[in-house]
Amino acid sequence: LDEPRILICLLCRQAVRPGRGIETHFRNMHKYTGDKLKAVLSFCDKQGFQDPTKVPLPANGSKAIPQLPKLGG
């Protein structure tokens, strides 16, 4: 079973949509420009990230993902 491949920004812990969503996120939220932004986009282009709004949620009782904050239990 393949694991979902979604991009979680480690700076703000927000799920980021692939394609233009990555550029928009890093440009607007973190003020990345120039070579810094190009490096992020180049890396992300090769990863095959999925749209986080289209990935099914894990089943209840699934193990927590350590990099993500726990909300409400």
C-alpha atoms as a PDB file:
ATOM      1  CA  LEU A   1       0.000   0.000   0.000  1.00  0.00           C
ATOM      2  CA  ASP A   2       1.479   3.335  -1.031  1.00  0.00           C
ATOM      3  CA  GLU A   3       1.730   6.050   1.581  1.00  0.00           C
ATOM      4  CA  PRO A   4       0.251   9.434   0.672  1.00  0.00           C
ATOM      5  CA  ARG A   5       2.882  11.951  -0.454  1.00  0.00           C
ATOM      6  CA  ILE A   6       1.833  15.342   0.815  1.00  0.00           C
ATOM      7  CA  LEU A   7       4.010  18.364   1.486  1.00  0.00           C
ATOM      8  CA  ILE A   8       3.931  19.649   5.057  1.00  0.00           C
ATOM      9  CA  CYS A   9       5.805  22.911   5.510  1.00  0.00           C
ATOM     10  CA  LEU A  10       8.182  22.437   8.439  1.00  0.00           C
ATOM     11  CA  LEU A  11       8.266  26.191   9.038  1.00  0.00           C
ATOM     12  CA  CYS A  12       4.544  26.562   9.761  1.00  0.00           C
ATOM     13  CA  ARG A  13       3.234  22.946   9.727  1.00  0.00           C
ATOM     14  CA  GLN A  14       0.699  23.701   7.003  1.00  0.00           C
ATOM     15  CA  ALA A  15      -0.176  21.227   4.262  1.00  0.00           C
ATOM     16  CA  VAL A  16       0.752  22.725   0.891  1.00  0.00           C
ATOM     17  CA  ARG A  17      -0.954  21.998  -2.423  1.00  0.00           C
ATOM     18  CA  PRO A  18       1.368  20.910  -5.231  1.00  0.00           C
ATOM     19  CA  GLY A  19       2.092  22.949  -8.364  1.00  0.00           C
ATOM     20  CA  ARG A  20       1.451  26.681  -8.036  1.00  0.00           C
ATOM     21  CA  GLY A  21       0.397  26.144  -4.417  1.00  0.00           C
ATOM     22  CA  ILE A  22       4.009  25.515  -3.424  1.00  0.00           C
ATOM     23  CA  GLU A  23       5.265  28.725  -4.998  1.00  0.00           C
ATOM     24  CA  THR A  24       2.357  30.720  -3.584  1.00  0.00           C
ATOM     25  CA  HIS A  25       2.898  29.320  -0.094  1.00  0.00           C
ATOM     26  CA  PHE A  26       6.627  29.956   0.123  1.00  0.00           C
ATOM     27  CA  ARG A  27       6.474  33.316  -1.648  1.00  0.00           C
ATOM     28  CA  ASN A  28       3.575  34.727   0.393  1.00  0.00           C
ATOM     29  CA  MET A  29       3.846  33.005   3.777  1.00  0.00           C
ATOM     30  CA  HIS A  30       7.628  32.914   4.151  1.00  0.00           C
ATOM     31  CA  LYS A  31       8.697  35.674   1.730  1.00  0.00           C
ATOM     32  CA  TYR A  32      11.012  33.388  -0.260  1.00  0.00           C
ATOM     33  CA  THR A  33      12.352  34.907  -3.473  1.00  0.00           C
ATOM     34  CA  GLY A  34      15.151  34.375  -5.974  1.00  0.00           C
ATOM     35  CA  ASP A  35      17.483  31.405  -5.573  1.00  0.00           C
ATOM     36  CA  LYS A  36      15.951  30.340  -2.264  1.00  0.00           C
ATOM     37  CA  LEU A  37      12.497  30.013  -3.847  1.00  0.00           C
ATOM     38  CA  LYS A  38      13.926  28.325  -6.957  1.00  0.00           C
ATOM     39  CA  ALA A  39      15.677  25.723  -4.796  1.00  0.00           C
ATOM     40  CA  VAL A  40      12.443  24.849  -2.981  1.00  0.00           C
ATOM     41  CA  LEU A  41      10.502  24.633  -6.248  1.00  0.00           C
ATOM     42  CA  SER A  42      13.195  22.505  -7.900  1.00  0.00           C
ATOM     43  CA  PHE A  43      13.204  20.063  -4.994  1.00  0.00           C
ATOM     44  CA  CYS A  44       9.408  19.855  -4.852  1.00  0.00           C
ATOM     45  CA  ASP A  45       9.064  19.337  -8.623  1.00  0.00           C
ATOM     46  CA  LYS A  46      10.801  15.964  -8.283  1.00  0.00           C
ATOM     47  CA  GLN A  47       8.747  14.642  -5.352  1.00  0.00           C
ATOM     48  CA  GLY A  48       5.338  13.865  -6.860  1.00  0.00           C
ATOM     49  CA  PHE A  49       3.371  15.437  -4.018  1.00  0.00           C
ATOM     50  CA  GLN A  50      -0.383  14.886  -3.849  1.00  0.00           C
ATOM     51  CA  ASP A  51      -3.065  17.470  -3.132  1.00  0.00           C
ATOM     52  CA  PRO A  52      -3.665  17.255   0.636  1.00  0.00           C
ATOM     53  CA  THR A  53      -7.370  18.022   0.141  1.00  0.00           C
ATOM     54  CA  LYS A  54      -7.756  14.840  -1.923  1.00  0.00           C
ATOM     55  CA  VAL A  55      -5.811  12.371   0.243  1.00  0.00           C
ATOM     56  CA  PRO A  56      -8.071  10.218   2.447  1.00  0.00           C
ATOM     57  CA  LEU A  57      -7.767  10.735   6.194  1.00  0.00           C
ATOM     58  CA  PRO A  58      -6.119   7.930   8.179  1.00  0.00           C
ATOM     59  CA  ALA A  59      -8.463   5.511   9.924  1.00  0.00           C
ATOM     60  CA  ASN A  60      -9.412   6.202  13.545  1.00  0.00           C
ATOM     61  CA  GLY A  61      -6.846   4.684  15.863  1.00  0.00           C
ATOM     62  CA  SER A  62      -3.996   5.086  13.361  1.00  0.00           C
ATOM     63  CA  LYS A  63      -0.570   5.935  14.705  1.00  0.00           C
ATOM     64  CA  ALA A  64       0.085   9.688  14.980  1.00  0.00           C
ATOM     65  CA  ILE A  65       2.495  11.353  12.564  1.00  0.00           C
ATOM     66  CA  PRO A  66       5.210  12.782  14.856  1.00  0.00           C
ATOM     67  CA  GLN A  67       5.881  15.875  12.711  1.00  0.00           C
ATOM     68  CA  LEU A  68       2.256  17.046  12.936  1.00  0.00           C
ATOM     69  CA  PRO A  69       0.624  18.703  15.946  1.00  0.00           C
ATOM     70  CA  LYS A  70      -2.138  16.807  17.721  1.00  0.00           C
ATOM     71  CA  LEU A  71      -5.466  18.592  17.808  1.00  0.00           C
ATOM     72  CA  GLY A  72      -8.269  17.712  20.170  1.00  0.00           C
ATOM     73  CA  GLY A  73      -7.176  14.292  21.271  1.00  0.00           C
END
